Amino acid sequence: MSVLADVTGNLGSIGYGLAAIGPGIGIGIIFGQGVQAIARQPEAYGLIRQNMILGFVFAEALALIGIALAFAFRA
């Protein structure tokens, strides 16, 4: 029975690892496109930077929800 508990814990870790892929890719896209937008329109730096930070916060919140759910559904 202890082997089943070990497998369940490992599945939670794998689930969080898979859940972190999406926000990781999203953050890369957000900052990559943001830098490209700033290079194209330097006068809009403040607005672009603000939107980049807001997008980063939302993407990071998804990763934090994923880790919280990994611990919450751990039976």
PDB file of N, CA and C in Angstrom:
ATOM      1  N   MET A   1       0.818  -1.196   0.000  1.00  0.00           N
ATOM      2  CA  MET A   1       0.000   0.000   0.000  1.00  0.00           C
ATOM      3  C   MET A   1       0.864   1.262   0.000  1.00  0.00           C
ATOM      4  N   SER A   2       2.059   1.218   0.565  1.00  0.00           N
ATOM      5  CA  SER A   2       2.922   2.399   0.573  1.00  0.00           C
ATOM      6  C   SER A   2       3.448   2.709  -0.832  1.00  0.00           C
ATOM      7  N   VAL A   3       3.549   1.701  -1.687  1.00  0.00           N
ATOM      8  CA  VAL A   3       4.001   1.929  -3.055  1.00  0.00           C
ATOM      9  C   VAL A   3       2.972   2.773  -3.794  1.00  0.00           C
ATOM     10  N   LEU A   4       1.690   2.538  -3.559  1.00  0.00           N
ATOM     11  CA  LEU A   4       0.632   3.319  -4.199  1.00  0.00           C
ATOM     12  C   LEU A   4       0.706   4.783  -3.766  1.00  0.00           C
ATOM     13  N   ALA A   5       1.008   5.044  -2.500  1.00  0.00           N
ATOM     14  CA  ALA A   5       1.140   6.418  -2.029  1.00  0.00           C
ATOM     15  C   ALA A   5       2.325   7.106  -2.693  1.00  0.00           C
ATOM     16  N   ASP A   6       3.413   6.397  -2.900  1.00  0.00           N
ATOM     17  CA  ASP A   6       4.570   6.977  -3.581  1.00  0.00           C
ATOM     18  C   ASP A   6       4.243   7.335  -5.019  1.00  0.00           C
ATOM     19  N   VAL A   7       3.510   6.479  -5.700  1.00  0.00           N
ATOM     20  CA  VAL A   7       3.140   6.737  -7.092  1.00  0.00           C
ATOM     21  C   VAL A   7       2.203   7.936  -7.166  1.00  0.00           C
ATOM     22  N   THR A   8       1.280   8.072  -6.225  1.00  0.00           N
ATOM     23  CA  THR A   8       0.356   9.203  -6.223  1.00  0.00           C
ATOM     24  C   THR A   8       1.110  10.516  -6.045  1.00  0.00           C
ATOM     25  N   GLY A   9       2.076  10.562  -5.161  1.00  0.00           N
ATOM     26  CA  GLY A   9       2.869  11.768  -4.972  1.00  0.00           C
ATOM     27  C   GLY A   9       3.656  12.123  -6.215  1.00  0.00           C
ATOM     28  N   ASN A  10       4.200  11.117  -6.876  1.00  0.00           N
ATOM     29  CA  ASN A  10       4.956  11.369  -8.094  1.00  0.00           C
ATOM     30  C   ASN A  10       4.056  11.851  -9.224  1.00  0.00           C
ATOM     31  N   LEU A  11       2.826  11.364  -9.294  1.00  0.00           N
ATOM     32  CA  LEU A  11       1.906  11.809 -10.331  1.00  0.00           C
ATOM     33  C   LEU A  11       1.522  13.272 -10.132  1.00  0.00           C
ATOM     34  N   GLY A  12       1.427  13.709  -8.872  1.00  0.00           N
ATOM     35  CA  GLY A  12       1.153  15.124  -8.610  1.00  0.00           C
ATOM     36  C   GLY A  12       2.285  16.015  -9.093  1.00  0.00           C
ATOM     37  N   SER A  13       3.505  15.546  -8.907  1.00  0.00           N
ATOM     38  CA  SER A  13       4.663  16.313  -9.378  1.00  0.00           C
ATOM     39  C   SER A  13       4.705  16.375 -10.899  1.00  0.00           C
ATOM     40  N   ILE A  14       4.394  15.274 -11.532  1.00  0.00           N
ATOM     41  CA  ILE A  14       4.356  15.263 -12.999  1.00  0.00           C
ATOM     42  C   ILE A  14       3.236  16.166 -13.498  1.00  0.00           C
ATOM     43  N   GLY A  15       2.092  16.139 -12.819  1.00  0.00           N
ATOM     44  CA  GLY A  15       0.979  17.000 -13.213  1.00  0.00           C
ATOM     45  C   GLY A  15       1.330  18.467 -13.104  1.00  0.00           C
ATOM     46  N   TYR A  16       2.022  18.850 -12.033  1.00  0.00           N
ATOM     47  CA  TYR A  16       2.419  20.257 -11.917  1.00  0.00           C
ATOM     48  C   TYR A  16       3.457  20.617 -12.966  1.00  0.00           C
ATOM     49  N   GLY A  17       4.357  19.713 -13.254  1.00  0.00           N
ATOM     50  CA  GLY A  17       5.352  19.977 -14.299  1.00  0.00           C
ATOM     51  C   GLY A  17       4.693  20.234 -15.644  1.00  0.00           C
ATOM     52  N   LEU A  18       3.683  19.450 -15.958  1.00  0.00           N
ATOM     53  CA  LEU A  18       2.949  19.664 -17.206  1.00  0.00           C
ATOM     54  C   LEU A  18       2.142  20.956 -17.156  1.00  0.00           C
ATOM     55  N   ALA A  19       1.600  21.293 -15.979  1.00  0.00           N
ATOM     56  CA  ALA A  19       0.814  22.519 -15.846  1.00  0.00           C
ATOM     57  C   ALA A  19       1.694  23.761 -15.936  1.00  0.00           C
ATOM     58  N   ALA A  20       2.977  23.639 -15.638  1.00  0.00           N
ATOM     59  CA  ALA A  20       3.881  24.799 -15.677  1.00  0.00           C
ATOM     60  C   ALA A  20       4.405  25.075 -17.081  1.00  0.00           C
ATOM     61  N   ILE A  21       4.202  24.154 -18.000  1.00  0.00           N
ATOM     62  CA  ILE A  21       4.690  24.366 -19.364  1.00  0.00           C
ATOM     63  C   ILE A  21       3.959  25.526 -20.027  1.00  0.00           C
ATOM     64  N   GLY A  22       2.641  25.567 -19.876  1.00  0.00           N
ATOM     65  CA  GLY A  22       1.837  26.608 -20.520  1.00  0.00           C
ATOM     66  C   GLY A  22       2.215  28.015 -20.087  1.00  0.00           C
ATOM     67  N   PRO A  23       2.225  28.297 -18.769  1.00  0.00           N
ATOM     68  CA  PRO A  23       2.643  29.634 -18.349  1.00  0.00           C
ATOM     69  C   PRO A  23       4.090  29.958 -18.720  1.00  0.00           C
ATOM     70  N   GLY A  24       4.963  28.969 -18.734  1.00  0.00           N
ATOM     71  CA  GLY A  24       6.354  29.216 -19.127  1.00  0.00           C
ATOM     72  C   GLY A  24       6.461  29.659 -20.573  1.00  0.00           C
ATOM     73  N   ILE A  25       5.731  28.981 -21.442  1.00  0.00           N
ATOM     74  CA  ILE A  25       5.721  29.380 -22.850  1.00  0.00           C
ATOM     75  C   ILE A  25       5.061  30.747 -23.002  1.00  0.00           C
ATOM     76  N   GLY A  26       3.978  30.969 -22.268  1.00  0.00           N
ATOM     77  CA  GLY A  26       3.275  32.250 -22.343  1.00  0.00           C
ATOM     78  C   GLY A  26       4.142  33.422 -21.919  1.00  0.00           C
ATOM     79  N   ILE A  27       4.912  33.248 -20.863  1.00  0.00           N
ATOM     80  CA  ILE A  27       5.787  34.323 -20.392  1.00  0.00           C
ATOM     81  C   ILE A  27       6.864  34.614 -21.433  1.00  0.00           C
ATOM     82  N   GLY A  28       7.389  33.581 -22.053  1.00  0.00           N
ATOM     83  CA  GLY A  28       8.375  33.791 -23.109  1.00  0.00           C
ATOM     84  C   GLY A  28       7.795  34.563 -24.283  1.00  0.00           C
ATOM     85  N   ILE A  29       6.585  34.233 -24.667  1.00  0.00           N
ATOM     86  CA  ILE A  29       5.934  34.944 -25.772  1.00  0.00           C
ATOM     87  C   ILE A  29       5.653  36.387 -25.385  1.00  0.00           C
ATOM     88  N   ILE A  30       5.176  36.607 -24.152  1.00  0.00           N
ATOM     89  CA  ILE A  30       4.846  37.961 -23.700  1.00  0.00           C
ATOM     90  C   ILE A  30       6.070  38.871 -23.783  1.00  0.00           C
ATOM     91  N   PHE A  31       7.183  38.429 -23.216  1.00  0.00           N
ATOM     92  CA  PHE A  31       8.361  39.294 -23.193  1.00  0.00           C
ATOM     93  C   PHE A  31       9.033  39.386 -24.560  1.00  0.00           C
ATOM     94  N   GLY A  32       9.003  38.320 -25.335  1.00  0.00           N
ATOM     95  CA  GLY A  32       9.578  38.367 -26.671  1.00  0.00           C
ATOM     96  C   GLY A  32       8.845  39.357 -27.563  1.00  0.00           C
ATOM     97  N   GLN A  33       7.522  39.282 -27.541  1.00  0.00           N
ATOM     98  CA  GLN A  33       6.737  40.204 -28.357  1.00  0.00           C
ATOM     99  C   GLN A  33       6.796  41.624 -27.807  1.00  0.00           C
ATOM    100  N   GLY A  34       6.901  41.745 -26.483  1.00  0.00           N
ATOM    101  CA  GLY A  34       7.000  43.079 -25.879  1.00  0.00           C
ATOM    102  C   GLY A  34       8.274  43.800 -26.273  1.00  0.00           C
ATOM    103  N   VAL A  35       9.378  43.082 -26.256  1.00  0.00           N
ATOM    104  CA  VAL A  35      10.648  43.688 -26.661  1.00  0.00           C
ATOM    105  C   VAL A  35      10.602  44.065 -28.135  1.00  0.00           C
ATOM    106  N   GLN A  36       9.994  43.222 -28.933  1.00  0.00           N
ATOM    107  CA  GLN A  36       9.870  43.527 -30.356  1.00  0.00           C
ATOM    108  C   GLN A  36       8.981  44.762 -30.569  1.00  0.00           C
ATOM    109  N   ALA A  37       7.915  44.880 -29.798  1.00  0.00           N
ATOM    110  CA  ALA A  37       7.034  46.046 -29.925  1.00  0.00           C
ATOM    111  C   ALA A  37       7.747  47.321 -29.487  1.00  0.00           C
ATOM    112  N   ILE A  38       8.551  47.245 -28.434  1.00  0.00           N
ATOM    113  CA  ILE A  38       9.296  48.420 -27.970  1.00  0.00           C
ATOM    114  C   ILE A  38      10.334  48.825 -29.020  1.00  0.00           C
ATOM    115  N   ALA A  39      10.937  47.849 -29.679  1.00  0.00           N
ATOM    116  CA  ALA A  39      11.906  48.168 -30.726  1.00  0.00           C
ATOM    117  C   ALA A  39      11.230  48.854 -31.914  1.00  0.00           C
ATOM    118  N   ARG A  40       9.992  48.492 -32.199  1.00  0.00           N
ATOM    119  CA  ARG A  40       9.280  49.094 -33.318  1.00  0.00           C
ATOM    120  C   ARG A  40       8.726  50.474 -32.974  1.00  0.00           C
ATOM    121  N   GLN A  41       8.256  50.648 -31.720  1.00  0.00           N
ATOM    122  CA  GLN A  41       7.669  51.928 -31.300  1.00  0.00           C
ATOM    123  C   GLN A  41       8.230  52.328 -29.942  1.00  0.00           C
ATOM    124  N   PRO A  42       9.392  52.914 -29.907  1.00  0.00           N
ATOM    125  CA  PRO A  42      10.001  53.284 -28.633  1.00  0.00           C
ATOM    126  C   PRO A  42       9.189  54.323 -27.851  1.00  0.00           C
ATOM    127  N   GLU A  43       8.392  55.127 -28.547  1.00  0.00           N
ATOM    128  CA  GLU A  43       7.615  56.153 -27.846  1.00  0.00           C
ATOM    129  C   GLU A  43       6.468  55.552 -27.024  1.00  0.00           C
ATOM    130  N   ALA A  44       6.093  54.314 -27.292  1.00  0.00           N
ATOM    131  CA  ALA A  44       5.027  53.651 -26.539  1.00  0.00           C
ATOM    132  C   ALA A  44       5.588  52.736 -25.453  1.00  0.00           C
ATOM    133  N   TYR A  45       6.793  53.025 -25.003  1.00  0.00           N
ATOM    134  CA  TYR A  45       7.478  52.158 -24.040  1.00  0.00           C
ATOM    135  C   TYR A  45       6.661  51.950 -22.768  1.00  0.00           C
ATOM    136  N   GLY A  46       6.112  53.032 -22.212  1.00  0.00           N
ATOM    137  CA  GLY A  46       5.388  52.925 -20.941  1.00  0.00           C
ATOM    138  C   GLY A  46       4.172  52.029 -21.036  1.00  0.00           C
ATOM    139  N   LEU A  47       3.376  52.192 -22.071  1.00  0.00           N
ATOM    140  CA  LEU A  47       2.168  51.388 -22.243  1.00  0.00           C
ATOM    141  C   LEU A  47       2.510  49.930 -22.520  1.00  0.00           C
ATOM    142  N   ILE A  48       3.505  49.703 -23.359  1.00  0.00           N
ATOM    143  CA  ILE A  48       3.895  48.326 -23.685  1.00  0.00           C
ATOM    144  C   ILE A  48       4.452  47.631 -22.447  1.00  0.00           C
ATOM    145  N   ARG A  49       5.274  48.333 -21.693  1.00  0.00           N
ATOM    146  CA  ARG A  49       5.858  47.748 -20.478  1.00  0.00           C
ATOM    147  C   ARG A  49       4.774  47.404 -19.465  1.00  0.00           C
ATOM    148  N   GLN A  50       3.799  48.292 -19.330  1.00  0.00           N
ATOM    149  CA  GLN A  50       2.693  48.054 -18.396  1.00  0.00           C
ATOM    150  C   GLN A  50       1.913  46.807 -18.797  1.00  0.00           C
ATOM    151  N   ASN A  51       1.625  46.665 -20.084  1.00  0.00           N
ATOM    152  CA  ASN A  51       0.899  45.491 -20.552  1.00  0.00           C
ATOM    153  C   ASN A  51       1.734  44.223 -20.437  1.00  0.00           C
ATOM    154  N   MET A  52       3.047  44.326 -20.616  1.00  0.00           N
ATOM    155  CA  MET A  52       3.913  43.162 -20.439  1.00  0.00           C
ATOM    156  C   MET A  52       3.874  42.674 -18.992  1.00  0.00           C
ATOM    157  N   ILE A  53       3.958  43.602 -18.062  1.00  0.00           N
ATOM    158  CA  ILE A  53       3.952  43.219 -16.643  1.00  0.00           C
ATOM    159  C   ILE A  53       2.605  42.623 -16.258  1.00  0.00           C
ATOM    160  N   LEU A  54       1.517  43.198 -16.759  1.00  0.00           N
ATOM    161  CA  LEU A  54       0.191  42.668 -16.461  1.00  0.00           C
ATOM    162  C   LEU A  54       0.019  41.259 -17.022  1.00  0.00           C
ATOM    163  N   GLY A  55       0.487  41.035 -18.241  1.00  0.00           N
ATOM    164  CA  GLY A  55       0.429  39.697 -18.828  1.00  0.00           C
ATOM    165  C   GLY A  55       1.279  38.697 -18.066  1.00  0.00           C
ATOM    166  N   PHE A  56       2.453  39.144 -17.609  1.00  0.00           N
ATOM    167  CA  PHE A  56       3.325  38.280 -16.816  1.00  0.00           C
ATOM    168  C   PHE A  56       2.634  37.866 -15.515  1.00  0.00           C
ATOM    169  N   VAL A  57       1.970  38.812 -14.871  1.00  0.00           N
ATOM    170  CA  VAL A  57       1.299  38.513 -13.607  1.00  0.00           C
ATOM    171  C   VAL A  57       0.191  37.487 -13.815  1.00  0.00           C
ATOM    172  N   PHE A  58      -0.594  37.635 -14.872  1.00  0.00           N
ATOM    173  CA  PHE A  58      -1.666  36.671 -15.121  1.00  0.00           C
ATOM    174  C   PHE A  58      -1.108  35.290 -15.464  1.00  0.00           C
ATOM    175  N   ALA A  59      -0.072  35.231 -16.245  1.00  0.00           N
ATOM    176  CA  ALA A  59       0.528  33.940 -16.598  1.00  0.00           C
ATOM    177  C   ALA A  59       1.151  33.276 -15.376  1.00  0.00           C
ATOM    178  N   GLU A  60       1.808  34.059 -14.541  1.00  0.00           N
ATOM    179  CA  GLU A  60       2.422  33.505 -13.335  1.00  0.00           C
ATOM    180  C   GLU A  60       1.364  33.052 -12.340  1.00  0.00           C
ATOM    181  N   ALA A  61       0.225  33.736 -12.318  1.00  0.00           N
ATOM    182  CA  ALA A  61      -0.875  33.313 -11.437  1.00  0.00           C
ATOM    183  C   ALA A  61      -1.365  31.926 -11.826  1.00  0.00           C
ATOM    184  N   LEU A  62      -1.389  31.628 -13.121  1.00  0.00           N
ATOM    185  CA  LEU A  62      -1.793  30.287 -13.547  1.00  0.00           C
ATOM    186  C   LEU A  62      -0.830  29.232 -13.031  1.00  0.00           C
ATOM    187  N   ALA A  63       0.460  29.535 -13.044  1.00  0.00           N
ATOM    188  CA  ALA A  63       1.444  28.579 -12.530  1.00  0.00           C
ATOM    189  C   ALA A  63       1.273  28.388 -11.027  1.00  0.00           C
ATOM    190  N   LEU A  64       0.999  29.461 -10.309  1.00  0.00           N
ATOM    191  CA  LEU A  64       0.801  29.341  -8.864  1.00  0.00           C
ATOM    192  C   LEU A  64      -0.479  28.575  -8.536  1.00  0.00           C
ATOM    193  N   ILE A  65      -1.515  28.760  -9.327  1.00  0.00           N
ATOM    194  CA  ILE A  65      -2.741  27.983  -9.127  1.00  0.00           C
ATOM    195  C   ILE A  65      -2.453  26.505  -9.386  1.00  0.00           C
ATOM    196  N   GLY A  66      -1.633  26.227 -10.388  1.00  0.00           N
ATOM    197  CA  GLY A  66      -1.282  24.839 -10.681  1.00  0.00           C
ATOM    198  C   GLY A  66      -0.560  24.165  -9.536  1.00  0.00           C
ATOM    199  N   ILE A  67       0.375  24.870  -8.898  1.00  0.00           N
ATOM    200  CA  ILE A  67       1.089  24.250  -7.775  1.00  0.00           C
ATOM    201  C   ILE A  67       0.177  24.126  -6.555  1.00  0.00           C
ATOM    202  N   ALA A  68      -0.729  25.073  -6.370  1.00  0.00           N
ATOM    203  CA  ALA A  68      -1.669  24.978  -5.245  1.00  0.00           C
ATOM    204  C   ALA A  68      -2.611  23.793  -5.437  1.00  0.00           C
ATOM    205  N   LEU A  69      -3.066  23.582  -6.655  1.00  0.00           N
ATOM    206  CA  LEU A  69      -3.959  22.456  -6.918  1.00  0.00           C
ATOM    207  C   LEU A  69      -3.232  21.114  -6.803  1.00  0.00           C
ATOM    208  N   ALA A  70      -1.963  21.101  -7.135  1.00  0.00           N
ATOM    209  CA  ALA A  70      -1.194  19.859  -6.982  1.00  0.00           C
ATOM    210  C   ALA A  70      -1.150  19.449  -5.525  1.00  0.00           C
ATOM    211  N   PHE A  71      -1.039  20.423  -4.620  1.00  0.00           N
ATOM    212  CA  PHE A  71      -1.035  20.103  -3.188  1.00  0.00           C
ATOM    213  C   PHE A  71      -2.443  19.878  -2.660  1.00  0.00           C
ATOM    214  N   ALA A  72      -3.432  20.590  -3.194  1.00  0.00           N
ATOM    215  CA  ALA A  72      -4.795  20.456  -2.708  1.00  0.00           C
ATOM    216  C   ALA A  72      -5.404  19.108  -3.050  1.00  0.00           C
ATOM    217  N   PHE A  73      -5.133  18.606  -4.239  1.00  0.00           N
ATOM    218  CA  PHE A  73      -5.725  17.344  -4.656  1.00  0.00           C
ATOM    219  C   PHE A  73      -4.880  16.138  -4.297  1.00  0.00           C
ATOM    220  N   ARG A  74      -3.831  16.381  -3.550  1.00  0.00           N
ATOM    221  CA  ARG A  74      -2.983  15.280  -3.097  1.00  0.00           C
ATOM    222  C   ARG A  74      -3.750  14.511  -2.024  1.00  0.00           C
ATOM    223  N   ALA A  75      -4.064  13.282  -2.304  1.00  0.00           N
ATOM    224  CA  ALA A  75      -4.910  12.509  -1.391  1.00  0.00           C
ATOM    225  C   ALA A  75      -4.110  11.578  -0.535  1.00  0.00           C
TER     226      ALA A  75
END
